[in-house]
Amino acid sequence: RQAPGKEREGVAAIYTGGGSTNYVDSVKGRFTISQDNAKRMVYL
């Protein structure tokens, strides 16, 4: 994500092969990244 006047920052990531996830501290517990490989979709 990137807010006006600020640098782009990471939010969340997912390994598509196994579904493991990684979050930055500011969104942990609030955001969830997930996937549907059959549909080739990723969600936040």
PDB file of all heavy atoms in Angstrom:
ATOM      1  N   ARG A   1       0.826  -1.193   0.000  1.00  0.00           N
ATOM      2  CA  ARG A   1       0.000   0.000   0.000  1.00  0.00           C
ATOM      3  C   ARG A   1       0.863   1.246   0.000  1.00  0.00           C
ATOM      4  O   ARG A   1       2.006   1.240   0.458  1.00  0.00           O
ATOM      5  CB  ARG A   1      -0.950   0.010   1.206  1.00  0.00           C
ATOM      6  CG  ARG A   1      -0.257   0.093   2.560  1.00  0.00           C
ATOM      7  CD  ARG A   1      -1.266  -0.096   3.678  1.00  0.00           C
ATOM      8  NE  ARG A   1      -0.661   0.020   4.990  1.00  0.00           N
ATOM      9  CZ  ARG A   1      -1.293  -0.219   6.126  1.00  0.00           C
ATOM     10  NH1 ARG A   1      -2.574  -0.591   6.117  1.00  0.00           N
ATOM     11  NH2 ARG A   1      -0.659  -0.080   7.288  1.00  0.00           N
ATOM     12  N   GLN A   2       0.285   2.319  -0.512  1.00  0.00           N
ATOM     13  CA  GLN A   2       0.988   3.586  -0.563  1.00  0.00           C
ATOM     14  C   GLN A   2      -0.006   4.720  -0.347  1.00  0.00           C
ATOM     15  O   GLN A   2      -0.968   4.859  -1.100  1.00  0.00           O
ATOM     16  CB  GLN A   2       1.713   3.766  -1.892  1.00  0.00           C
ATOM     17  CG  GLN A   2       2.596   4.993  -1.938  1.00  0.00           C
ATOM     18  CD  GLN A   2       3.510   5.008  -3.147  1.00  0.00           C
ATOM     19  OE1 GLN A   2       3.224   4.363  -4.154  1.00  0.00           O
ATOM     20  NE2 GLN A   2       4.603   5.728  -3.042  1.00  0.00           N
ATOM     21  N   ALA A   3       0.243   5.509   0.686  1.00  0.00           N
ATOM     22  CA  ALA A   3      -0.555   6.685   0.969  1.00  0.00           C
ATOM     23  C   ALA A   3       0.093   7.894   0.309  1.00  0.00           C
ATOM     24  O   ALA A   3       1.308   7.908   0.076  1.00  0.00           O
ATOM     25  CB  ALA A   3      -0.672   6.899   2.472  1.00  0.00           C
ATOM     26  N   PRO A   4      -0.684   8.934   0.010  1.00  0.00           N
ATOM     27  CA  PRO A   4      -0.109  10.129  -0.607  1.00  0.00           C
ATOM     28  C   PRO A   4       1.031  10.702   0.217  1.00  0.00           C
ATOM     29  O   PRO A   4       0.916  10.871   1.431  1.00  0.00           O
ATOM     30  CB  PRO A   4      -1.290  11.093  -0.668  1.00  0.00           C
ATOM     31  CG  PRO A   4      -2.483  10.209  -0.725  1.00  0.00           C
ATOM     32  CD  PRO A   4      -2.142   9.039   0.163  1.00  0.00           C
ATOM     33  N   GLY A   5       2.141  10.980  -0.442  1.00  0.00           N
ATOM     34  CA  GLY A   5       3.291  11.550   0.224  1.00  0.00           C
ATOM     35  C   GLY A   5       4.129  10.575   1.020  1.00  0.00           C
ATOM     36  O   GLY A   5       5.100  10.992   1.665  1.00  0.00           O
ATOM     37  N   LYS A   6       3.784   9.294   0.994  1.00  0.00           N
ATOM     38  CA  LYS A   6       4.527   8.295   1.744  1.00  0.00           C
ATOM     39  C   LYS A   6       5.065   7.215   0.814  1.00  0.00           C
ATOM     40  O   LYS A   6       4.597   7.049  -0.308  1.00  0.00           O
ATOM     41  CB  LYS A   6       3.644   7.665   2.818  1.00  0.00           C
ATOM     42  CG  LYS A   6       3.178   8.635   3.887  1.00  0.00           C
ATOM     43  CD  LYS A   6       2.399   7.931   4.972  1.00  0.00           C
ATOM     44  CE  LYS A   6       1.977   8.887   6.064  1.00  0.00           C
ATOM     45  NZ  LYS A   6       1.223   8.202   7.139  1.00  0.00           N
ATOM     46  N   GLU A   7       6.056   6.483   1.303  1.00  0.00           N
ATOM     47  CA  GLU A   7       6.636   5.402   0.535  1.00  0.00           C
ATOM     48  C   GLU A   7       5.722   4.189   0.535  1.00  0.00           C
ATOM     49  O   GLU A   7       4.923   3.986   1.448  1.00  0.00           O
ATOM     50  CB  GLU A   7       8.005   5.018   1.101  1.00  0.00           C
ATOM     51  CG  GLU A   7       9.050   6.113   1.000  1.00  0.00           C
ATOM     52  CD  GLU A   7      10.402   5.673   1.510  1.00  0.00           C
ATOM     53  OE1 GLU A   7      10.498   4.552   2.062  1.00  0.00           O
ATOM     54  OE2 GLU A   7      11.367   6.429   1.355  1.00  0.00           O
ATOM     55  N   ARG A   8       5.860   3.371  -0.504  1.00  0.00           N
ATOM     56  CA  ARG A   8       5.120   2.133  -0.566  1.00  0.00           C
ATOM     57  C   ARG A   8       5.604   1.181   0.518  1.00  0.00           C
ATOM     58  O   ARG A   8       6.811   1.040   0.747  1.00  0.00           O
ATOM     59  CB  ARG A   8       5.277   1.497  -1.942  1.00  0.00           C
ATOM     60  CG  ARG A   8       4.439   0.252  -2.155  1.00  0.00           C
ATOM     61  CD  ARG A   8       4.475  -0.190  -3.607  1.00  0.00           C
ATOM     62  NE  ARG A   8       3.899   0.826  -4.480  1.00  0.00           N
ATOM     63  CZ  ARG A   8       3.731   0.674  -5.787  1.00  0.00           C
ATOM     64  NH1 ARG A   8       4.091  -0.451  -6.380  1.00  0.00           N
ATOM     65  NH2 ARG A   8       3.215   1.667  -6.507  1.00  0.00           N
ATOM     66  N   GLU A   9       4.671   0.535   1.205  1.00  0.00           N
ATOM     67  CA  GLU A   9       5.027  -0.387   2.261  1.00  0.00           C
ATOM     68  C   GLU A   9       4.337  -1.726   2.063  1.00  0.00           C
ATOM     69  O   GLU A   9       3.247  -1.811   1.503  1.00  0.00           O
ATOM     70  CB  GLU A   9       4.656   0.180   3.633  1.00  0.00           C
ATOM     71  CG  GLU A   9       3.170   0.370   3.852  1.00  0.00           C
ATOM     72  CD  GLU A   9       2.821   0.787   5.264  1.00  0.00           C
ATOM     73  OE1 GLU A   9       3.700   0.698   6.156  1.00  0.00           O
ATOM     74  OE2 GLU A   9       1.673   1.206   5.497  1.00  0.00           O
ATOM     75  N   GLY A  10       5.000  -2.764   2.544  1.00  0.00           N
ATOM     76  CA  GLY A  10       4.415  -4.085   2.493  1.00  0.00           C
ATOM     77  C   GLY A  10       3.289  -4.237   3.494  1.00  0.00           C
ATOM     78  O   GLY A  10       3.269  -3.573   4.534  1.00  0.00           O
ATOM     79  N   VAL A  11       2.350  -5.102   3.187  1.00  0.00           N
ATOM     80  CA  VAL A  11       1.221  -5.387   4.058  1.00  0.00           C
ATOM     81  C   VAL A  11       1.189  -6.872   4.428  1.00  0.00           C
ATOM     82  O   VAL A  11       1.233  -7.234   5.603  1.00  0.00           O
ATOM     83  CB  VAL A  11      -0.109  -4.975   3.414  1.00  0.00           C
ATOM     84  CG1 VAL A  11      -1.286  -5.357   4.307  1.00  0.00           C
ATOM     85  CG2 VAL A  11      -0.119  -3.480   3.120  1.00  0.00           C
ATOM     86  N   ALA A  12       1.108  -7.725   3.427  1.00  0.00           N
ATOM     87  CA  ALA A  12       0.988  -9.157   3.655  1.00  0.00           C
ATOM     88  C   ALA A  12       1.482  -9.911   2.439  1.00  0.00           C
ATOM     89  O   ALA A  12       1.502  -9.374   1.326  1.00  0.00           O
ATOM     90  CB  ALA A  12      -0.466  -9.536   3.949  1.00  0.00           C
ATOM     91  N   ALA A  13       1.870 -11.168   2.645  1.00  0.00           N
ATOM     92  CA  ALA A  13       2.333 -12.006   1.552  1.00  0.00           C
ATOM     93  C   ALA A  13       1.914 -13.443   1.805  1.00  0.00           C
ATOM     94  O   ALA A  13       1.749 -13.865   2.958  1.00  0.00           O
ATOM     95  CB  ALA A  13       3.848 -11.917   1.394  1.00  0.00           C
ATOM     96  N   ILE A  14       1.755 -14.202   0.734  1.00  0.00           N
ATOM     97  CA  ILE A  14       1.380 -15.602   0.824  1.00  0.00           C
ATOM     98  C   ILE A  14       2.187 -16.421  -0.165  1.00  0.00           C
ATOM     99  O   ILE A  14       2.418 -15.999  -1.296  1.00  0.00           O
ATOM    100  CB  ILE A  14      -0.141 -15.783   0.597  1.00  0.00           C
ATOM    101  CG1 ILE A  14      -0.569 -17.228   0.867  1.00  0.00           C
ATOM    102  CG2 ILE A  14      -0.548 -15.336  -0.804  1.00  0.00           C
ATOM    103  CD1 ILE A  14      -2.083 -17.392   0.964  1.00  0.00           C
ATOM    104  N   TYR A  15       2.638 -17.585   0.289  1.00  0.00           N
ATOM    105  CA  TYR A  15       3.303 -18.549  -0.576  1.00  0.00           C
ATOM    106  C   TYR A  15       2.215 -19.401  -1.229  1.00  0.00           C
ATOM    107  O   TYR A  15       1.493 -20.132  -0.543  1.00  0.00           O
ATOM    108  CB  TYR A  15       4.262 -19.407   0.237  1.00  0.00           C
ATOM    109  CG  TYR A  15       4.805 -20.614  -0.486  1.00  0.00           C
ATOM    110  CD1 TYR A  15       5.464 -20.476  -1.703  1.00  0.00           C
ATOM    111  CD2 TYR A  15       4.655 -21.893   0.047  1.00  0.00           C
ATOM    112  CE1 TYR A  15       5.957 -21.583  -2.375  1.00  0.00           C
ATOM    113  CE2 TYR A  15       5.146 -22.998  -0.620  1.00  0.00           C
ATOM    114  CZ  TYR A  15       5.799 -22.841  -1.830  1.00  0.00           C
ATOM    115  OH  TYR A  15       6.291 -23.941  -2.490  1.00  0.00           O
ATOM    116  N   THR A  16       2.104 -19.318  -2.532  1.00  0.00           N
ATOM    117  CA  THR A  16       0.991 -19.970  -3.210  1.00  0.00           C
ATOM    118  C   THR A  16       1.079 -21.484  -3.191  1.00  0.00           C
ATOM    119  O   THR A  16       0.051 -22.160  -3.280  1.00  0.00           O
ATOM    120  CB  THR A  16       0.886 -19.485  -4.662  1.00  0.00           C
ATOM    121  OG1 THR A  16       2.082 -19.815  -5.376  1.00  0.00           O
ATOM    122  CG2 THR A  16       0.666 -17.981  -4.715  1.00  0.00           C
ATOM    123  N   GLY A  17       2.293 -22.026  -3.048  1.00  0.00           N
ATOM    124  CA  GLY A  17       2.447 -23.468  -3.051  1.00  0.00           C
ATOM    125  C   GLY A  17       1.952 -24.146  -1.795  1.00  0.00           C
ATOM    126  O   GLY A  17       1.527 -25.301  -1.844  1.00  0.00           O
ATOM    127  N   GLY A  18       2.014 -23.471  -0.663  1.00  0.00           N
ATOM    128  CA  GLY A  18       1.612 -24.081   0.581  1.00  0.00           C
ATOM    129  C   GLY A  18       0.697 -23.250   1.452  1.00  0.00           C
ATOM    130  O   GLY A  18       0.137 -23.754   2.423  1.00  0.00           O
ATOM    131  N   GLY A  19       0.562 -21.965   1.120  1.00  0.00           N
ATOM    132  CA  GLY A  19      -0.361 -21.117   1.838  1.00  0.00           C
ATOM    133  C   GLY A  19       0.192 -20.416   3.058  1.00  0.00           C
ATOM    134  O   GLY A  19      -0.569 -19.749   3.765  1.00  0.00           O
ATOM    135  N   SER A  20       1.488 -20.551   3.332  1.00  0.00           N
ATOM    136  CA  SER A  20       2.054 -19.846   4.473  1.00  0.00           C
ATOM    137  C   SER A  20       1.996 -18.342   4.236  1.00  0.00           C
ATOM    138  O   SER A  20       2.129 -17.877   3.101  1.00  0.00           O
ATOM    139  CB  SER A  20       3.486 -20.297   4.734  1.00  0.00           C
ATOM    140  OG  SER A  20       4.321 -20.019   3.624  1.00  0.00           O
ATOM    141  N   THR A  21       1.807 -17.595   5.301  1.00  0.00           N
ATOM    142  CA  THR A  21       1.577 -16.160   5.197  1.00  0.00           C
ATOM    143  C   THR A  21       2.557 -15.372   6.041  1.00  0.00           C
ATOM    144  O   THR A  21       3.171 -15.890   6.979  1.00  0.00           O
ATOM    145  CB  THR A  21       0.143 -15.801   5.608  1.00  0.00           C
ATOM    146  OG1 THR A  21      -0.087 -16.259   6.951  1.00  0.00           O
ATOM    147  CG2 THR A  21      -0.865 -16.466   4.680  1.00  0.00           C
ATOM    148  N   ASN A  22       2.665 -14.106   5.726  1.00  0.00           N
ATOM    149  CA  ASN A  22       3.556 -13.193   6.415  1.00  0.00           C
ATOM    150  C   ASN A  22       2.893 -11.822   6.433  1.00  0.00           C
ATOM    151  O   ASN A  22       2.351 -11.392   5.420  1.00  0.00           O
ATOM    152  CB  ASN A  22       4.902 -13.139   5.699  1.00  0.00           C
ATOM    153  CG  ASN A  22       5.959 -12.399   6.471  1.00  0.00           C
ATOM    154  OD1 ASN A  22       5.841 -12.186   7.673  1.00  0.00           O
ATOM    155  ND2 ASN A  22       7.028 -12.015   5.780  1.00  0.00           N
ATOM    156  N   TYR A  23       2.947 -11.150   7.589  1.00  0.00           N
ATOM    157  CA  TYR A  23       2.302  -9.858   7.759  1.00  0.00           C
ATOM    158  C   TYR A  23       3.252  -8.874   8.410  1.00  0.00           C
ATOM    159  O   TYR A  23       4.098  -9.246   9.226  1.00  0.00           O
ATOM    160  CB  TYR A  23       1.069  -9.964   8.652  1.00  0.00           C
ATOM    161  CG  TYR A  23       0.007 -10.900   8.154  1.00  0.00           C
ATOM    162  CD1 TYR A  23       0.016 -12.244   8.517  1.00  0.00           C
ATOM    163  CD2 TYR A  23      -1.017 -10.451   7.334  1.00  0.00           C
ATOM    164  CE1 TYR A  23      -0.962 -13.112   8.068  1.00  0.00           C
ATOM    165  CE2 TYR A  23      -2.004 -11.312   6.878  1.00  0.00           C
ATOM    166  CZ  TYR A  23      -1.965 -12.639   7.249  1.00  0.00           C
ATOM    167  OH  TYR A  23      -2.946 -13.498   6.804  1.00  0.00           O
ATOM    168  N   VAL A  24       3.086  -7.613   8.084  1.00  0.00           N
ATOM    169  CA  VAL A  24       3.786  -6.583   8.816  1.00  0.00           C
ATOM    170  C   VAL A  24       3.071  -6.358  10.141  1.00  0.00           C
ATOM    171  O   VAL A  24       1.876  -6.643  10.285  1.00  0.00           O
ATOM    172  CB  VAL A  24       3.878  -5.271   8.019  1.00  0.00           C
ATOM    173  CG1 VAL A  24       4.688  -5.474   6.753  1.00  0.00           C
ATOM    174  CG2 VAL A  24       2.497  -4.721   7.696  1.00  0.00           C
ATOM    175  N   ASP A  25       3.810  -5.855  11.122  1.00  0.00           N
ATOM    176  CA  ASP A  25       3.274  -5.737  12.471  1.00  0.00           C
ATOM    177  C   ASP A  25       2.023  -4.861  12.548  1.00  0.00           C
ATOM    178  O   ASP A  25       1.126  -5.128  13.342  1.00  0.00           O
ATOM    179  CB  ASP A  25       4.340  -5.180  13.412  1.00  0.00           C
ATOM    180  CG  ASP A  25       5.439  -6.176  13.715  1.00  0.00           C
ATOM    181  OD1 ASP A  25       5.243  -7.379  13.474  1.00  0.00           O
ATOM    182  OD2 ASP A  25       6.495  -5.749  14.207  1.00  0.00           O
ATOM    183  N   SER A  26       1.948  -3.844  11.721  1.00  0.00           N
ATOM    184  CA  SER A  26       0.851  -2.899  11.816  1.00  0.00           C
ATOM    185  C   SER A  26      -0.508  -3.482  11.442  1.00  0.00           C
ATOM    186  O   SER A  26      -1.540  -2.901  11.783  1.00  0.00           O
ATOM    187  CB  SER A  26       1.129  -1.671  10.946  1.00  0.00           C
ATOM    188  OG  SER A  26       1.249  -2.027   9.583  1.00  0.00           O
ATOM    189  N   VAL A  27      -0.525  -4.627  10.759  1.00  0.00           N
ATOM    190  CA  VAL A  27      -1.794  -5.219  10.351  1.00  0.00           C
ATOM    191  C   VAL A  27      -2.036  -6.592  10.959  1.00  0.00           C
ATOM    192  O   VAL A  27      -3.118  -7.166  10.746  1.00  0.00           O
ATOM    193  CB  VAL A  27      -1.912  -5.314   8.816  1.00  0.00           C
ATOM    194  CG1 VAL A  27      -1.655  -3.961   8.174  1.00  0.00           C
ATOM    195  CG2 VAL A  27      -0.971  -6.375   8.253  1.00  0.00           C
ATOM    196  N   LYS A  28      -1.095  -7.116  11.717  1.00  0.00           N
ATOM    197  CA  LYS A  28      -1.270  -8.430  12.322  1.00  0.00           C
ATOM    198  C   LYS A  28      -2.493  -8.447  13.228  1.00  0.00           C
ATOM    199  O   LYS A  28      -2.704  -7.537  14.020  1.00  0.00           O
ATOM    200  CB  LYS A  28      -0.026  -8.824  13.122  1.00  0.00           C
ATOM    201  CG  LYS A  28       1.154  -9.217  12.267  1.00  0.00           C
ATOM    202  CD  LYS A  28       2.348  -9.611  13.127  1.00  0.00           C
ATOM    203  CE  LYS A  28       3.522 -10.025  12.270  1.00  0.00           C
ATOM    204  NZ  LYS A  28       4.716 -10.342  13.089  1.00  0.00           N
ATOM    205  N   GLY A  29      -3.289  -9.485  13.089  1.00  0.00           N
ATOM    206  CA  GLY A  29      -4.504  -9.611  13.872  1.00  0.00           C
ATOM    207  C   GLY A  29      -5.700  -8.921  13.276  1.00  0.00           C
ATOM    208  O   GLY A  29      -6.824  -9.133  13.749  1.00  0.00           O
ATOM    209  N   ARG A  30      -5.490  -8.096  12.263  1.00  0.00           N
ATOM    210  CA  ARG A  30      -6.582  -7.372  11.624  1.00  0.00           C
ATOM    211  C   ARG A  30      -6.791  -7.788  10.163  1.00  0.00           C
ATOM    212  O   ARG A  30      -7.925  -7.846   9.698  1.00  0.00           O
ATOM    213  CB  ARG A  30      -6.331  -5.868  11.672  1.00  0.00           C
ATOM    214  CG  ARG A  30      -6.220  -5.314  13.086  1.00  0.00           C
ATOM    215  CD  ARG A  30      -6.206  -3.788  13.077  1.00  0.00           C
ATOM    216  NE  ARG A  30      -5.050  -3.260  12.346  1.00  0.00           N
ATOM    217  CZ  ARG A  30      -5.137  -2.449  11.292  1.00  0.00           C
ATOM    218  NH1 ARG A  30      -6.334  -2.071  10.840  1.00  0.00           N
ATOM    219  NH2 ARG A  30      -4.042  -2.000  10.702  1.00  0.00           N
ATOM    220  N   PHE A  31      -5.704  -8.046   9.463  1.00  0.00           N
ATOM    221  CA  PHE A  31      -5.768  -8.398   8.043  1.00  0.00           C
ATOM    222  C   PHE A  31      -5.448  -9.873   7.861  1.00  0.00           C
ATOM    223  O   PHE A  31      -4.625 -10.438   8.591  1.00  0.00           O
ATOM    224  CB  PHE A  31      -4.765  -7.586   7.228  1.00  0.00           C
ATOM    225  CG  PHE A  31      -5.067  -6.117   7.112  1.00  0.00           C
ATOM    226  CD1 PHE A  31      -6.064  -5.514   7.858  1.00  0.00           C
ATOM    227  CD2 PHE A  31      -4.324  -5.341   6.236  1.00  0.00           C
ATOM    228  CE1 PHE A  31      -6.328  -4.156   7.744  1.00  0.00           C
ATOM    229  CE2 PHE A  31      -4.578  -3.986   6.107  1.00  0.00           C
ATOM    230  CZ  PHE A  31      -5.573  -3.392   6.857  1.00  0.00           C
ATOM    231  N   THR A  32      -6.058 -10.473   6.860  1.00  0.00           N
ATOM    232  CA  THR A  32      -5.790 -11.859   6.514  1.00  0.00           C
ATOM    233  C   THR A  32      -5.636 -11.988   5.007  1.00  0.00           C
ATOM    234  O   THR A  32      -6.533 -11.597   4.257  1.00  0.00           O
ATOM    235  CB  THR A  32      -6.913 -12.790   6.989  1.00  0.00           C
ATOM    236  OG1 THR A  32      -7.094 -12.664   8.397  1.00  0.00           O
ATOM    237  CG2 THR A  32      -6.568 -14.247   6.663  1.00  0.00           C
ATOM    238  N   ILE A  33      -4.506 -12.535   4.574  1.00  0.00           N
ATOM    239  CA  ILE A  33      -4.309 -12.826   3.162  1.00  0.00           C
ATOM    240  C   ILE A  33      -4.654 -14.290   2.924  1.00  0.00           C
ATOM    241  O   ILE A  33      -4.323 -15.160   3.730  1.00  0.00           O
ATOM    242  CB  ILE A  33      -2.868 -12.498   2.715  1.00  0.00           C
ATOM    243  CG1 ILE A  33      -2.723 -12.642   1.194  1.00  0.00           C
ATOM    244  CG2 ILE A  33      -1.845 -13.335   3.459  1.00  0.00           C
ATOM    245  CD1 ILE A  33      -1.400 -12.113   0.654  1.00  0.00           C
ATOM    246  N   SER A  34      -5.324 -14.567   1.832  1.00  0.00           N
ATOM    247  CA  SER A  34      -5.715 -15.926   1.503  1.00  0.00           C
ATOM    248  C   SER A  34      -5.701 -16.100  -0.008  1.00  0.00           C
ATOM    249  O   SER A  34      -5.545 -15.131  -0.759  1.00  0.00           O
ATOM    250  CB  SER A  34      -7.097 -16.257   2.078  1.00  0.00           C
ATOM    251  OG  SER A  34      -8.091 -15.403   1.543  1.00  0.00           O
ATOM    252  N   GLN A  35      -5.878 -17.335  -0.448  1.00  0.00           N
ATOM    253  CA  GLN A  35      -5.823 -17.616  -1.866  1.00  0.00           C
ATOM    254  C   GLN A  35      -6.846 -18.652  -2.265  1.00  0.00           C
ATOM    255  O   GLN A  35      -7.307 -19.452  -1.456  1.00  0.00           O
ATOM    256  CB  GLN A  35      -4.427 -18.105  -2.264  1.00  0.00           C
ATOM    257  CG  GLN A  35      -4.050 -19.452  -1.656  1.00  0.00           C
ATOM    258  CD  GLN A  35      -2.680 -19.929  -2.071  1.00  0.00           C
ATOM    259  OE1 GLN A  35      -2.098 -19.454  -3.048  1.00  0.00           O
ATOM    260  NE2 GLN A  35      -2.146 -20.886  -1.325  1.00  0.00           N
ATOM    261  N   ASP A  36      -7.185 -18.644  -3.540  1.00  0.00           N
ATOM    262  CA  ASP A  36      -7.959 -19.691  -4.175  1.00  0.00           C
ATOM    263  C   ASP A  36      -7.207 -20.012  -5.458  1.00  0.00           C
ATOM    264  O   ASP A  36      -7.384 -19.336  -6.474  1.00  0.00           O
ATOM    265  CB  ASP A  36      -9.386 -19.238  -4.464  1.00  0.00           C
ATOM    266  CG  ASP A  36     -10.249 -20.349  -5.029  1.00  0.00           C
ATOM    267  OD1 ASP A  36      -9.708 -21.305  -5.619  1.00  0.00           O
ATOM    268  OD2 ASP A  36     -11.483 -20.264  -4.889  1.00  0.00           O
ATOM    269  N   ASN A  37      -6.343 -21.023  -5.396  1.00  0.00           N
ATOM    270  CA  ASN A  37      -5.493 -21.326  -6.535  1.00  0.00           C
ATOM    271  C   ASN A  37      -6.285 -21.775  -7.761  1.00  0.00           C
ATOM    272  O   ASN A  37      -5.877 -21.510  -8.895  1.00  0.00           O
ATOM    273  CB  ASN A  37      -4.470 -22.392  -6.153  1.00  0.00           C
ATOM    274  CG  ASN A  37      -3.325 -21.838  -5.343  1.00  0.00           C
ATOM    275  OD1 ASN A  37      -3.066 -20.633  -5.352  1.00  0.00           O
ATOM    276  ND2 ASN A  37      -2.621 -22.700  -4.636  1.00  0.00           N
ATOM    277  N   ALA A  38      -7.394 -22.466  -7.542  1.00  0.00           N
ATOM    278  CA  ALA A  38      -8.211 -22.910  -8.666  1.00  0.00           C
ATOM    279  C   ALA A  38      -8.738 -21.729  -9.458  1.00  0.00           C
ATOM    280  O   ALA A  38      -8.867 -21.796 -10.684  1.00  0.00           O
ATOM    281  CB  ALA A  38      -9.358 -23.783  -8.180  1.00  0.00           C
ATOM    282  N   LYS A  39      -9.067 -20.662  -8.763  1.00  0.00           N
ATOM    283  CA  LYS A  39      -9.567 -19.455  -9.418  1.00  0.00           C
ATOM    284  C   LYS A  39      -8.456 -18.471  -9.753  1.00  0.00           C
ATOM    285  O   LYS A  39      -8.729 -17.426 -10.357  1.00  0.00           O
ATOM    286  CB  LYS A  39     -10.601 -18.768  -8.535  1.00  0.00           C
ATOM    287  CG  LYS A  39     -11.855 -19.577  -8.294  1.00  0.00           C
ATOM    288  CD  LYS A  39     -12.845 -18.801  -7.434  1.00  0.00           C
ATOM    289  CE  LYS A  39     -14.123 -19.576  -7.218  1.00  0.00           C
ATOM    290  NZ  LYS A  39     -15.082 -18.823  -6.369  1.00  0.00           N
ATOM    291  N   ARG A  40      -7.231 -18.785  -9.343  1.00  0.00           N
ATOM    292  CA  ARG A  40      -6.092 -17.905  -9.541  1.00  0.00           C
ATOM    293  C   ARG A  40      -6.356 -16.535  -8.915  1.00  0.00           C
ATOM    294  O   ARG A  40      -6.127 -15.487  -9.530  1.00  0.00           O
ATOM    295  CB  ARG A  40      -5.744 -17.792 -11.020  1.00  0.00           C
ATOM    296  CG  ARG A  40      -5.439 -19.148 -11.658  1.00  0.00           C
ATOM    297  CD  ARG A  40      -5.067 -19.023 -13.120  1.00  0.00           C
ATOM    298  NE  ARG A  40      -3.827 -18.291 -13.304  1.00  0.00           N
ATOM    299  CZ  ARG A  40      -2.622 -18.808 -13.133  1.00  0.00           C
ATOM    300  NH1 ARG A  40      -2.473 -20.084 -12.792  1.00  0.00           N
ATOM    301  NH2 ARG A  40      -1.546 -18.063 -13.320  1.00  0.00           N
ATOM    302  N   MET A  41      -6.845 -16.570  -7.678  1.00  0.00           N
ATOM    303  CA  MET A  41      -7.204 -15.357  -6.963  1.00  0.00           C
ATOM    304  C   MET A  41      -6.491 -15.299  -5.619  1.00  0.00           C
ATOM    305  O   MET A  41      -6.247 -16.321  -4.982  1.00  0.00           O
ATOM    306  CB  MET A  41      -8.708 -15.302  -6.720  1.00  0.00           C
ATOM    307  CG  MET A  41      -9.554 -15.260  -7.973  1.00  0.00           C
ATOM    308  SD  MET A  41      -9.485 -13.651  -8.794  1.00  0.00           S
ATOM    309  CE  MET A  41     -10.401 -12.645  -7.614  1.00  0.00           C
ATOM    310  N   VAL A  42      -6.172 -14.098  -5.202  1.00  0.00           N
ATOM    311  CA  VAL A  42      -5.644 -13.821  -3.878  1.00  0.00           C
ATOM    312  C   VAL A  42      -6.488 -12.722  -3.259  1.00  0.00           C
ATOM    313  O   VAL A  42      -6.896 -11.787  -3.951  1.00  0.00           O
ATOM    314  CB  VAL A  42      -4.164 -13.414  -3.936  1.00  0.00           C
ATOM    315  CG1 VAL A  42      -3.652 -13.034  -2.552  1.00  0.00           C
ATOM    316  CG2 VAL A  42      -3.328 -14.559  -4.491  1.00  0.00           C
ATOM    317  N   TYR A  43      -6.718 -12.838  -1.949  1.00  0.00           N
ATOM    318  CA  TYR A  43      -7.598 -11.913  -1.262  1.00  0.00           C
ATOM    319  C   TYR A  43      -6.893 -11.280  -0.074  1.00  0.00           C
ATOM    320  O   TYR A  43      -5.960 -11.838   0.501  1.00  0.00           O
ATOM    321  CB  TYR A  43      -8.848 -12.633  -0.763  1.00  0.00           C
ATOM    322  CG  TYR A  43      -9.564 -13.409  -1.834  1.00  0.00           C
ATOM    323  CD1 TYR A  43      -9.342 -14.773  -1.995  1.00  0.00           C
ATOM    324  CD2 TYR A  43     -10.452 -12.778  -2.701  1.00  0.00           C
ATOM    325  CE1 TYR A  43      -9.995 -15.488  -2.983  1.00  0.00           C
ATOM    326  CE2 TYR A  43     -11.098 -13.484  -3.696  1.00  0.00           C
ATOM    327  CZ  TYR A  43     -10.871 -14.832  -3.832  1.00  0.00           C
ATOM    328  OH  TYR A  43     -11.517 -15.538  -4.819  1.00  0.00           O
ATOM    329  N   LEU A  44      -7.359 -10.127   0.303  1.00  0.00           N
ATOM    330  CA  LEU A  44      -6.923  -9.488   1.535  1.00  0.00           C
ATOM    331  C   LEU A  44      -8.168  -9.062   2.296  1.00  0.00           C
ATOM    332  O   LEU A  44      -8.844  -8.107   1.899  1.00  0.00           O
ATOM    333  CB  LEU A  44      -6.029  -8.280   1.260  1.00  0.00           C
ATOM    334  CG  LEU A  44      -5.446  -7.609   2.505  1.00  0.00           C
ATOM    335  CD1 LEU A  44      -4.443  -8.539   3.190  1.00  0.00           C
ATOM    336  CD2 LEU A  44      -4.785  -6.280   2.152  1.00  0.00           C
TER     337      LEU A  44
END
